[in-house]
Amino acid sequence: MDKAKDIKEELLKQIEGESTEATEISLKSARQIIEEYKIRLRRRKWIAAISWLITIIYAVAMHNLIVYLNEHNFETFLTSDESKLLRYMDMGSGVLIVIAILLTYLAYSTSRSTTLLQICARLAGIEEQLKKISQNT
């Protein structure tokens, strides 16, 4: 959030009409902030994709384990603690799904923030060009 505040302050400085040097510096720093957001977005996309992969692998493995145990009637050999563990492992897939959904939403919100920052930077560039045009005439 601090970086978003920084870019807002820099854009406000541009609106107030500070010198062209300040706006050029602020445009460079805005680009740096946007690049940092893009790097963060890529990282979060990878984390979300890996979490979905782990969730799918876990769910398939648990399903296959339960099917195997039911086919070979191993439940008679399992102790009560092992049976409880099997039920809890089944609930683990639900927890992994919730975590994967939250990580996907985090990547989505970062993507929206990055897009909005890019739009703000482009508008600031347009504003700078309009200022130069109005000063020339």
C-alpha atoms as a PDB file:
ATOM      1  CA  MET A   1       0.000   0.000   0.000  1.00  0.00           C
ATOM      2  CA  ASP A   2       2.942   2.361   0.602  1.00  0.00           C
ATOM      3  CA  LYS A   3       3.960   2.127  -3.028  1.00  0.00           C
ATOM      4  CA  ALA A   4       0.423   2.937  -4.122  1.00  0.00           C
ATOM      5  CA  LYS A   5       0.527   6.007  -1.890  1.00  0.00           C
ATOM      6  CA  ASP A   6       3.886   6.985  -3.382  1.00  0.00           C
ATOM      7  CA  ILE A   7       2.553   6.856  -6.911  1.00  0.00           C
ATOM      8  CA  LYS A   8      -0.544   8.809  -5.871  1.00  0.00           C
ATOM      9  CA  GLU A   9       1.638  11.517  -4.327  1.00  0.00           C
ATOM     10  CA  GLU A  10       3.790  11.678  -7.438  1.00  0.00           C
ATOM     11  CA  LEU A  11       0.717  11.967  -9.643  1.00  0.00           C
ATOM     12  CA  LEU A  12      -0.639  14.728  -7.400  1.00  0.00           C
ATOM     13  CA  LYS A  13       2.667  16.586  -7.759  1.00  0.00           C
ATOM     14  CA  GLN A  14       2.258  16.390 -11.517  1.00  0.00           C
ATOM     15  CA  ILE A  15      -1.268  17.761 -11.317  1.00  0.00           C
ATOM     16  CA  GLU A  16      -0.089  20.678  -9.175  1.00  0.00           C
ATOM     17  CA  GLY A  17       2.273  21.644 -11.984  1.00  0.00           C
ATOM     18  CA  GLU A  18       5.735  21.154 -10.596  1.00  0.00           C
ATOM     19  CA  SER A  19       8.745  21.370 -12.899  1.00  0.00           C
ATOM     20  CA  THR A  20       9.248  18.949 -15.770  1.00  0.00           C
ATOM     21  CA  GLU A  21      12.265  17.407 -14.016  1.00  0.00           C
ATOM     22  CA  ALA A  22      10.072  16.298 -11.124  1.00  0.00           C
ATOM     23  CA  THR A  23       7.549  14.749 -13.486  1.00  0.00           C
ATOM     24  CA  GLU A  24      10.244  12.881 -15.425  1.00  0.00           C
ATOM     25  CA  ILE A  25      11.641  11.520 -12.178  1.00  0.00           C
ATOM     26  CA  SER A  26       8.181  10.586 -10.979  1.00  0.00           C
ATOM     27  CA  LEU A  27       7.420   8.806 -14.261  1.00  0.00           C
ATOM     28  CA  LYS A  28      10.606   6.774 -13.861  1.00  0.00           C
ATOM     29  CA  SER A  29       9.711   5.888 -10.296  1.00  0.00           C
ATOM     30  CA  ALA A  30       6.154   5.062 -11.385  1.00  0.00           C
ATOM     31  CA  ARG A  31       7.593   2.629 -13.920  1.00  0.00           C
ATOM     32  CA  GLN A  32       9.750   1.079 -11.204  1.00  0.00           C
ATOM     33  CA  ILE A  33       6.718   0.664  -8.950  1.00  0.00           C
ATOM     34  CA  ILE A  34       4.744  -0.926 -11.773  1.00  0.00           C
ATOM     35  CA  GLU A  35       7.627  -3.307 -12.537  1.00  0.00           C
ATOM     36  CA  GLU A  36       7.743  -4.337  -8.871  1.00  0.00           C
ATOM     37  CA  TYR A  37       3.996  -4.993  -8.967  1.00  0.00           C
ATOM     38  CA  LYS A  38       4.445  -7.092 -12.122  1.00  0.00           C
ATOM     39  CA  ILE A  39       7.149  -9.164 -10.436  1.00  0.00           C
ATOM     40  CA  ARG A  40       4.935  -9.626  -7.386  1.00  0.00           C
ATOM     41  CA  LEU A  41       2.028 -10.618  -9.657  1.00  0.00           C
ATOM     42  CA  ARG A  42       4.122 -13.256 -11.453  1.00  0.00           C
ATOM     43  CA  ARG A  43       5.231 -14.688  -8.123  1.00  0.00           C
ATOM     44  CA  ARG A  44       1.667 -14.840  -6.801  1.00  0.00           C
ATOM     45  CA  LYS A  45       0.410 -16.483  -9.996  1.00  0.00           C
ATOM     46  CA  TRP A  46       3.024 -19.199  -9.627  1.00  0.00           C
ATOM     47  CA  ILE A  47       2.170 -19.714  -5.967  1.00  0.00           C
ATOM     48  CA  ALA A  48      -1.537 -19.994  -6.806  1.00  0.00           C
ATOM     49  CA  ALA A  49      -0.861 -22.450  -9.643  1.00  0.00           C
ATOM     50  CA  ILE A  50       1.355 -24.602  -7.429  1.00  0.00           C
ATOM     51  CA  SER A  51      -1.248 -24.588  -4.657  1.00  0.00           C
ATOM     52  CA  TRP A  52      -3.902 -25.819  -7.116  1.00  0.00           C
ATOM     53  CA  LEU A  53      -1.530 -28.512  -8.350  1.00  0.00           C
ATOM     54  CA  ILE A  54      -0.847 -29.684  -4.789  1.00  0.00           C
ATOM     55  CA  THR A  55      -4.581 -29.635  -4.034  1.00  0.00           C
ATOM     56  CA  ILE A  56      -5.427 -31.755  -7.069  1.00  0.00           C
ATOM     57  CA  ILE A  57      -2.639 -34.247  -6.404  1.00  0.00           C
ATOM     58  CA  TYR A  58      -3.688 -34.552  -2.747  1.00  0.00           C
ATOM     59  CA  ALA A  59      -7.364 -35.050  -3.593  1.00  0.00           C
ATOM     60  CA  VAL A  60      -6.612 -37.704  -6.203  1.00  0.00           C
ATOM     61  CA  ALA A  61      -4.198 -39.511  -3.880  1.00  0.00           C
ATOM     62  CA  MET A  62      -6.704 -39.513  -1.016  1.00  0.00           C
ATOM     63  CA  HIS A  63      -9.475 -40.759  -3.293  1.00  0.00           C
ATOM     64  CA  ASN A  64      -7.279 -43.575  -4.599  1.00  0.00           C
ATOM     65  CA  LEU A  65      -6.216 -44.518  -1.061  1.00  0.00           C
ATOM     66  CA  ILE A  66      -9.813 -44.726   0.144  1.00  0.00           C
ATOM     67  CA  VAL A  67     -10.855 -46.775  -2.899  1.00  0.00           C
ATOM     68  CA  TYR A  68      -7.914 -49.116  -2.379  1.00  0.00           C
ATOM     69  CA  LEU A  69      -8.728 -49.566   1.313  1.00  0.00           C
ATOM     70  CA  ASN A  70     -12.395 -50.250   0.547  1.00  0.00           C
ATOM     71  CA  GLU A  71     -11.607 -52.776  -2.199  1.00  0.00           C
ATOM     72  CA  HIS A  72      -9.199 -54.781  -0.062  1.00  0.00           C
ATOM     73  CA  ASN A  73     -11.255 -54.489   3.123  1.00  0.00           C
ATOM     74  CA  PHE A  74      -8.400 -53.017   5.142  1.00  0.00           C
ATOM     75  CA  GLU A  75     -10.803 -51.156   7.405  1.00  0.00           C
ATOM     76  CA  THR A  76     -11.086 -54.222   9.608  1.00  0.00           C
ATOM     77  CA  PHE A  77      -7.326 -54.041  10.218  1.00  0.00           C
ATOM     78  CA  LEU A  78      -7.254 -50.301  10.932  1.00  0.00           C
ATOM     79  CA  THR A  79      -7.322 -49.094  14.500  1.00  0.00           C
ATOM     80  CA  SER A  80      -9.768 -46.401  15.553  1.00  0.00           C
ATOM     81  CA  ASP A  81      -6.997 -43.784  15.499  1.00  0.00           C
ATOM     82  CA  GLU A  82      -6.042 -44.756  11.958  1.00  0.00           C
ATOM     83  CA  SER A  83      -9.694 -44.518  10.882  1.00  0.00           C
ATOM     84  CA  LYS A  84      -9.932 -41.027  12.402  1.00  0.00           C
ATOM     85  CA  LEU A  85      -6.720 -40.056  10.652  1.00  0.00           C
ATOM     86  CA  LEU A  86      -8.166 -41.228   7.362  1.00  0.00           C
ATOM     87  CA  ARG A  87     -11.264 -39.063   7.878  1.00  0.00           C
ATOM     88  CA  TYR A  88      -9.124 -36.036   8.808  1.00  0.00           C
ATOM     89  CA  MET A  89      -6.963 -36.539   5.756  1.00  0.00           C
ATOM     90  CA  ASP A  90     -10.130 -36.450   3.698  1.00  0.00           C
ATOM     91  CA  MET A  91     -11.018 -33.081   5.272  1.00  0.00           C
ATOM     92  CA  GLY A  92      -7.530 -31.866   4.405  1.00  0.00           C
ATOM     93  CA  SER A  93      -8.476 -31.620   0.745  1.00  0.00           C
ATOM     94  CA  GLY A  94     -11.205 -29.141   1.678  1.00  0.00           C
ATOM     95  CA  VAL A  95      -8.688 -27.037   3.567  1.00  0.00           C
ATOM     96  CA  LEU A  96      -6.294 -27.130   0.614  1.00  0.00           C
ATOM     97  CA  ILE A  97      -9.093 -26.023  -1.722  1.00  0.00           C
ATOM     98  CA  VAL A  98      -9.872 -23.036   0.509  1.00  0.00           C
ATOM     99  CA  ILE A  99      -6.184 -22.076   0.632  1.00  0.00           C
ATOM    100  CA  ALA A 100      -5.889 -22.375  -3.163  1.00  0.00           C
ATOM    101  CA  ILE A 101      -8.981 -20.191  -3.628  1.00  0.00           C
ATOM    102  CA  LEU A 102      -7.566 -17.523  -1.306  1.00  0.00           C
ATOM    103  CA  LEU A 103      -4.213 -17.533  -3.107  1.00  0.00           C
ATOM    104  CA  THR A 104      -5.999 -17.252  -6.466  1.00  0.00           C
ATOM    105  CA  TYR A 105      -7.975 -14.269  -5.191  1.00  0.00           C
ATOM    106  CA  LEU A 106      -4.752 -12.672  -3.951  1.00  0.00           C
ATOM    107  CA  ALA A 107      -3.234 -13.028  -7.417  1.00  0.00           C
ATOM    108  CA  TYR A 108      -6.408 -11.598  -8.970  1.00  0.00           C
ATOM    109  CA  SER A 109      -6.433  -8.550  -6.682  1.00  0.00           C
ATOM    110  CA  THR A 110      -2.743  -7.930  -7.382  1.00  0.00           C
ATOM    111  CA  SER A 111      -3.495  -8.109 -11.097  1.00  0.00           C
ATOM    112  CA  ARG A 112      -6.221  -5.488 -10.730  1.00  0.00           C
ATOM    113  CA  SER A 113      -3.925  -3.220  -8.717  1.00  0.00           C
ATOM    114  CA  THR A 114      -1.213  -3.533 -11.332  1.00  0.00           C
ATOM    115  CA  THR A 115      -3.661  -2.684 -14.102  1.00  0.00           C
ATOM    116  CA  LEU A 116      -4.912   0.376 -12.241  1.00  0.00           C
ATOM    117  CA  LEU A 117      -1.356   1.573 -11.632  1.00  0.00           C
ATOM    118  CA  GLN A 118      -0.566   1.174 -15.329  1.00  0.00           C
ATOM    119  CA  ILE A 119      -3.645   3.205 -16.213  1.00  0.00           C
ATOM    120  CA  CYS A 120      -2.638   5.937 -13.754  1.00  0.00           C
ATOM    121  CA  ALA A 121       0.875   6.054 -15.183  1.00  0.00           C
ATOM    122  CA  ARG A 122      -0.436   6.289 -18.744  1.00  0.00           C
ATOM    123  CA  LEU A 123      -2.820   9.070 -17.757  1.00  0.00           C
ATOM    124  CA  ALA A 124       0.063  10.904 -16.112  1.00  0.00           C
ATOM    125  CA  GLY A 125       2.047  10.603 -19.360  1.00  0.00           C
ATOM    126  CA  ILE A 126      -0.893  11.944 -21.350  1.00  0.00           C
ATOM    127  CA  GLU A 127      -1.234  14.807 -18.883  1.00  0.00           C
ATOM    128  CA  GLU A 128       2.460  15.619 -19.281  1.00  0.00           C
ATOM    129  CA  GLN A 129       2.117  15.688 -23.060  1.00  0.00           C
ATOM    130  CA  LEU A 130      -0.918  17.956 -22.807  1.00  0.00           C
ATOM    131  CA  LYS A 131       1.033  20.330 -20.524  1.00  0.00           C
ATOM    132  CA  LYS A 132       3.886  20.488 -23.030  1.00  0.00           C
ATOM    133  CA  ILE A 133       1.437  21.162 -25.860  1.00  0.00           C
ATOM    134  CA  SER A 134      -0.326  23.899 -23.914  1.00  0.00           C
ATOM    135  CA  GLN A 135       3.012  25.534 -22.994  1.00  0.00           C
ATOM    136  CA  ASN A 136       4.117  25.563 -26.642  1.00  0.00           C
ATOM    137  CA  THR A 137       0.994  27.365 -27.820  1.00  0.00           C
END
